[in-house]
Amino acid sequence: MNPKAIKILIHASTWFAPVLVPLVVYFLTPNSELKSLSLQAIIFHFVIWLLVSISIFFSFLLIGIPFLIVFGLMGLIIPIKGILRALQERPFRYPIVGAWFA
């Protein structure tokens, strides 16, 4: 499988296996760019999951509702942006964790 298709699969895994696919790619590929992207995806999914969970908890106090909307939209839009960048064969880093991995 070519790297472009694997990048698309990593980003699209948000909707069917957000941790499993990047984890499998991380351990099976020798490509350092794909390893970095899959590690970013795993950490991004965990961070978004944590932020959405905290926002759900605080939405009972009405404080978390705006955050829930923002983090929910981020969890949907960022992977779509990654898919589009992969289709154009342009580099992409997840916004929350991308700078941690060179």
N, C-alpha and C. Protein backbone atom coordinates (compact mmCIF):
# COMPACT_ATOMS: atom_id res chain seq x y z
N MET A 1 0.85 -1.18 0.00
CA MET A 1 0.00 0.00 0.00
C MET A 1 0.89 1.24 0.00
N ASN A 2 0.53 2.22 -0.79
CA ASN A 2 1.39 3.41 -0.87
C ASN A 2 1.17 4.33 0.33
N PRO A 3 2.15 5.17 0.62
CA PRO A 3 2.06 6.05 1.81
C PRO A 3 0.88 7.01 1.76
N LYS A 4 0.50 7.47 0.59
CA LYS A 4 -0.64 8.39 0.47
C LYS A 4 -1.92 7.71 0.97
N ALA A 5 -2.14 6.48 0.57
CA ALA A 5 -3.33 5.75 0.99
C ALA A 5 -3.30 5.46 2.50
N ILE A 6 -2.13 5.18 3.03
CA ILE A 6 -2.01 4.92 4.46
C ILE A 6 -2.30 6.19 5.26
N LYS A 7 -1.82 7.34 4.77
CA LYS A 7 -2.12 8.61 5.45
C LYS A 7 -3.62 8.87 5.47
N ILE A 8 -4.27 8.64 4.34
CA ILE A 8 -5.73 8.83 4.26
C ILE A 8 -6.42 7.89 5.24
N LEU A 9 -5.96 6.65 5.31
CA LEU A 9 -6.55 5.67 6.22
C LEU A 9 -6.36 6.08 7.68
N ILE A 10 -5.21 6.62 8.01
CA ILE A 10 -4.96 7.07 9.39
C ILE A 10 -5.94 8.18 9.76
N HIS A 11 -6.11 9.15 8.87
CA HIS A 11 -7.03 10.26 9.16
C HIS A 11 -8.48 9.79 9.18
N ALA A 12 -8.85 8.92 8.25
CA ALA A 12 -10.24 8.46 8.16
C ALA A 12 -10.60 7.50 9.29
N SER A 13 -9.61 6.95 9.95
CA SER A 13 -9.90 6.01 11.04
C SER A 13 -10.62 6.67 12.20
N THR A 14 -10.70 7.99 12.20
CA THR A 14 -11.43 8.72 13.23
C THR A 14 -12.85 8.19 13.37
N TRP A 15 -13.44 7.78 12.28
CA TRP A 15 -14.85 7.39 12.28
C TRP A 15 -15.09 5.90 12.47
N PHE A 16 -14.03 5.07 12.44
CA PHE A 16 -14.29 3.64 12.63
C PHE A 16 -13.32 2.96 13.59
N ALA A 17 -12.13 3.40 13.73
CA ALA A 17 -11.18 2.79 14.68
C ALA A 17 -10.10 3.82 15.01
N PRO A 18 -10.42 4.83 15.81
CA PRO A 18 -9.52 5.96 16.00
C PRO A 18 -8.16 5.64 16.62
N VAL A 19 -8.05 4.57 17.35
CA VAL A 19 -6.76 4.23 17.95
C VAL A 19 -6.15 2.99 17.30
N LEU A 20 -6.98 2.06 16.91
CA LEU A 20 -6.50 0.79 16.38
C LEU A 20 -5.71 0.94 15.09
N VAL A 21 -6.25 1.65 14.13
CA VAL A 21 -5.57 1.79 12.82
C VAL A 21 -4.23 2.51 12.96
N PRO A 22 -4.17 3.69 13.62
CA PRO A 22 -2.86 4.32 13.77
C PRO A 22 -1.86 3.47 14.56
N LEU A 23 -2.35 2.72 15.53
CA LEU A 23 -1.46 1.86 16.31
C LEU A 23 -0.88 0.74 15.45
N VAL A 24 -1.71 0.13 14.63
CA VAL A 24 -1.24 -0.92 13.72
C VAL A 24 -0.22 -0.36 12.73
N VAL A 25 -0.53 0.82 12.17
CA VAL A 25 0.39 1.45 11.22
C VAL A 25 1.71 1.78 11.91
N TYR A 26 1.63 2.27 13.13
CA TYR A 26 2.84 2.63 13.86
C TYR A 26 3.78 1.43 14.03
N PHE A 27 3.22 0.28 14.36
CA PHE A 27 4.06 -0.89 14.61
C PHE A 27 4.46 -1.65 13.34
N LEU A 28 3.73 -1.49 12.26
CA LEU A 28 4.02 -2.28 11.06
C LEU A 28 4.81 -1.55 9.98
N THR A 29 4.84 -0.24 10.01
CA THR A 29 5.52 0.47 8.93
C THR A 29 6.94 0.86 9.33
N PRO A 30 7.87 0.77 8.38
CA PRO A 30 9.23 1.26 8.66
C PRO A 30 9.40 2.75 8.35
N ASN A 31 8.39 3.36 7.71
CA ASN A 31 8.44 4.76 7.29
C ASN A 31 8.31 5.67 8.51
N SER A 32 9.31 6.52 8.74
CA SER A 32 9.29 7.40 9.93
C SER A 32 8.21 8.47 9.83
N GLU A 33 7.88 8.93 8.63
CA GLU A 33 6.82 9.94 8.47
C GLU A 33 5.47 9.36 8.85
N LEU A 34 5.20 8.12 8.45
CA LEU A 34 3.94 7.47 8.80
C LEU A 34 3.88 7.16 10.30
N LYS A 35 5.02 6.79 10.88
CA LYS A 35 5.06 6.54 12.32
C LYS A 35 4.73 7.82 13.09
N SER A 36 5.32 8.93 12.68
CA SER A 36 5.06 10.20 13.34
C SER A 36 3.59 10.61 13.20
N LEU A 37 3.03 10.46 12.01
CA LEU A 37 1.63 10.82 11.78
C LEU A 37 0.69 9.93 12.59
N SER A 38 0.98 8.64 12.64
CA SER A 38 0.10 7.74 13.40
C SER A 38 0.18 8.02 14.90
N LEU A 39 1.36 8.35 15.40
CA LEU A 39 1.49 8.71 16.82
C LEU A 39 0.76 10.02 17.12
N GLN A 40 0.85 10.99 16.22
CA GLN A 40 0.09 12.23 16.38
C GLN A 40 -1.41 11.95 16.40
N ALA A 41 -1.88 11.07 15.53
CA ALA A 41 -3.30 10.74 15.47
C ALA A 41 -3.77 10.09 16.76
N ILE A 42 -2.99 9.17 17.29
CA ILE A 42 -3.36 8.50 18.54
C ILE A 42 -3.49 9.51 19.68
N ILE A 43 -2.48 10.36 19.82
CA ILE A 43 -2.50 11.34 20.90
C ILE A 43 -3.63 12.35 20.68
N PHE A 44 -3.86 12.77 19.44
CA PHE A 44 -4.95 13.70 19.14
C PHE A 44 -6.29 13.10 19.54
N HIS A 45 -6.52 11.83 19.22
CA HIS A 45 -7.79 11.19 19.56
C HIS A 45 -7.98 11.10 21.07
N PHE A 46 -6.93 10.78 21.79
CA PHE A 46 -7.03 10.72 23.25
C PHE A 46 -7.30 12.10 23.85
N VAL A 47 -6.62 13.12 23.35
CA VAL A 47 -6.81 14.47 23.87
C VAL A 47 -8.23 14.97 23.58
N ILE A 48 -8.70 14.77 22.36
CA ILE A 48 -10.06 15.19 22.01
C ILE A 48 -11.08 14.42 22.85
N TRP A 49 -10.87 13.11 23.01
CA TRP A 49 -11.79 12.31 23.83
C TRP A 49 -11.83 12.86 25.26
N LEU A 50 -10.67 13.19 25.82
CA LEU A 50 -10.60 13.73 27.17
C LEU A 50 -11.30 15.08 27.26
N LEU A 51 -11.05 15.96 26.30
CA LEU A 51 -11.67 17.28 26.32
C LEU A 51 -13.18 17.21 26.15
N VAL A 52 -13.66 16.33 25.28
CA VAL A 52 -15.10 16.16 25.10
C VAL A 52 -15.72 15.58 26.37
N SER A 53 -15.05 14.64 26.99
CA SER A 53 -15.58 14.06 28.24
C SER A 53 -15.69 15.10 29.34
N ILE A 54 -14.67 15.92 29.49
CA ILE A 54 -14.71 16.98 30.50
C ILE A 54 -15.83 17.97 30.16
N SER A 55 -15.97 18.29 28.87
CA SER A 55 -17.02 19.23 28.46
C SER A 55 -18.41 18.66 28.72
N ILE A 56 -18.58 17.36 28.50
CA ILE A 56 -19.88 16.73 28.80
C ILE A 56 -20.18 16.84 30.29
N PHE A 57 -19.17 16.59 31.10
CA PHE A 57 -19.37 16.70 32.55
C PHE A 57 -19.79 18.12 32.94
N PHE A 58 -19.11 19.11 32.40
CA PHE A 58 -19.41 20.49 32.75
C PHE A 58 -20.64 21.04 32.03
N SER A 59 -21.15 20.32 31.05
CA SER A 59 -22.36 20.82 30.37
C SER A 59 -23.57 20.78 31.28
N PHE A 60 -23.51 19.96 32.33
CA PHE A 60 -24.59 19.97 33.31
C PHE A 60 -24.65 21.32 34.04
N LEU A 61 -23.54 22.01 34.08
CA LEU A 61 -23.48 23.34 34.69
C LEU A 61 -23.61 24.44 33.63
N LEU A 62 -23.85 24.06 32.39
CA LEU A 62 -23.98 24.94 31.24
C LEU A 62 -22.66 25.59 30.81
N ILE A 63 -21.60 25.37 31.55
CA ILE A 63 -20.29 25.93 31.19
C ILE A 63 -19.69 25.12 30.04
N GLY A 64 -19.92 23.83 30.03
CA GLY A 64 -19.25 22.96 29.07
C GLY A 64 -19.87 22.91 27.69
N ILE A 65 -21.06 23.45 27.51
CA ILE A 65 -21.74 23.34 26.22
C ILE A 65 -20.94 24.00 25.09
N PRO A 66 -20.46 25.24 25.25
CA PRO A 66 -19.67 25.82 24.15
C PRO A 66 -18.39 25.03 23.87
N PHE A 67 -17.75 24.53 24.93
CA PHE A 67 -16.54 23.74 24.74
C PHE A 67 -16.86 22.42 24.06
N LEU A 68 -17.97 21.82 24.42
CA LEU A 68 -18.39 20.57 23.79
C LEU A 68 -18.59 20.77 22.29
N ILE A 69 -19.19 21.87 21.91
CA ILE A 69 -19.39 22.17 20.49
C ILE A 69 -18.05 22.37 19.78
N VAL A 70 -17.18 23.15 20.37
CA VAL A 70 -15.88 23.44 19.76
C VAL A 70 -15.03 22.18 19.63
N PHE A 71 -14.91 21.41 20.71
CA PHE A 71 -14.07 20.21 20.66
C PHE A 71 -14.68 19.13 19.78
N GLY A 72 -16.01 19.03 19.77
CA GLY A 72 -16.67 18.09 18.87
C GLY A 72 -16.43 18.42 17.42
N LEU A 73 -16.52 19.70 17.09
CA LEU A 73 -16.24 20.12 15.71
C LEU A 73 -14.78 19.90 15.35
N MET A 74 -13.88 20.16 16.30
CA MET A 74 -12.46 19.90 16.04
C MET A 74 -12.22 18.43 15.75
N GLY A 75 -12.87 17.55 16.51
CA GLY A 75 -12.72 16.12 16.31
C GLY A 75 -13.22 15.66 14.95
N LEU A 76 -14.12 16.41 14.35
CA LEU A 76 -14.64 16.06 13.02
C LEU A 76 -13.89 16.76 11.89
N ILE A 77 -13.58 18.03 12.06
CA ILE A 77 -13.01 18.82 10.98
C ILE A 77 -11.51 18.56 10.77
N ILE A 78 -10.75 18.41 11.82
CA ILE A 78 -9.30 18.23 11.70
C ILE A 78 -8.95 16.98 10.89
N PRO A 79 -9.59 15.81 11.12
CA PRO A 79 -9.27 14.66 10.27
C PRO A 79 -9.66 14.87 8.81
N ILE A 80 -10.74 15.60 8.55
CA ILE A 80 -11.11 15.89 7.16
C ILE A 80 -10.04 16.75 6.50
N LYS A 81 -9.53 17.72 7.24
CA LYS A 81 -8.45 18.55 6.74
C LYS A 81 -7.20 17.69 6.45
N GLY A 82 -6.93 16.73 7.33
CA GLY A 82 -5.80 15.82 7.11
C GLY A 82 -5.98 14.96 5.87
N ILE A 83 -7.20 14.49 5.64
CA ILE A 83 -7.48 13.70 4.44
C ILE A 83 -7.26 14.54 3.19
N LEU A 84 -7.74 15.78 3.21
CA LEU A 84 -7.55 16.65 2.05
C LEU A 84 -6.08 16.94 1.80
N ARG A 85 -5.32 17.16 2.86
CA ARG A 85 -3.88 17.39 2.71
C ARG A 85 -3.18 16.14 2.17
N ALA A 86 -3.61 14.96 2.62
CA ALA A 86 -3.00 13.72 2.14
C ALA A 86 -3.32 13.51 0.66
N LEU A 87 -4.54 13.85 0.25
CA LEU A 87 -4.89 13.74 -1.16
C LEU A 87 -4.06 14.67 -2.04
N GLN A 88 -3.72 15.83 -1.50
CA GLN A 88 -2.89 16.79 -2.24
C GLN A 88 -1.40 16.51 -2.06
N GLU A 89 -1.08 15.50 -1.28
CA GLU A 89 0.30 15.11 -0.96
C GLU A 89 1.08 16.27 -0.32
N ARG A 90 0.39 16.99 0.56
CA ARG A 90 1.00 18.06 1.33
C ARG A 90 1.19 17.59 2.78
N PRO A 91 2.18 18.10 3.47
CA PRO A 91 2.40 17.68 4.86
C PRO A 91 1.27 18.15 5.77
N PHE A 92 1.02 17.39 6.82
CA PHE A 92 -0.03 17.73 7.78
C PHE A 92 0.42 17.30 9.16
N ARG A 93 0.17 18.17 10.12
CA ARG A 93 0.40 17.86 11.53
C ARG A 93 -0.87 18.18 12.29
N TYR A 94 -1.21 17.32 13.21
CA TYR A 94 -2.38 17.59 14.05
C TYR A 94 -2.12 18.81 14.90
N PRO A 95 -3.09 19.73 15.02
CA PRO A 95 -2.84 21.02 15.67
C PRO A 95 -2.50 20.95 17.15
N ILE A 96 -3.01 20.00 17.87
CA ILE A 96 -2.76 19.96 19.31
C ILE A 96 -1.40 19.34 19.60
N VAL A 97 -1.03 18.31 18.86
CA VAL A 97 0.18 17.54 19.19
C VAL A 97 1.21 17.53 18.08
N GLY A 98 0.97 18.15 16.97
CA GLY A 98 1.87 18.08 15.82
C GLY A 98 3.24 18.67 16.07
N ALA A 99 3.32 19.71 16.86
CA ALA A 99 4.62 20.37 17.11
C ALA A 99 5.53 19.55 18.02
N TRP A 100 4.98 18.59 18.73
CA TRP A 100 5.80 17.78 19.63
C TRP A 100 6.67 16.79 18.88
N PHE A 101 6.26 16.44 17.66
CA PHE A 101 6.98 15.42 16.89
C PHE A 101 7.56 16.03 15.64
N ALA A 102 8.86 15.96 15.49
CA ALA A 102 9.51 16.54 14.32
C ALA A 102 9.60 15.55 13.19
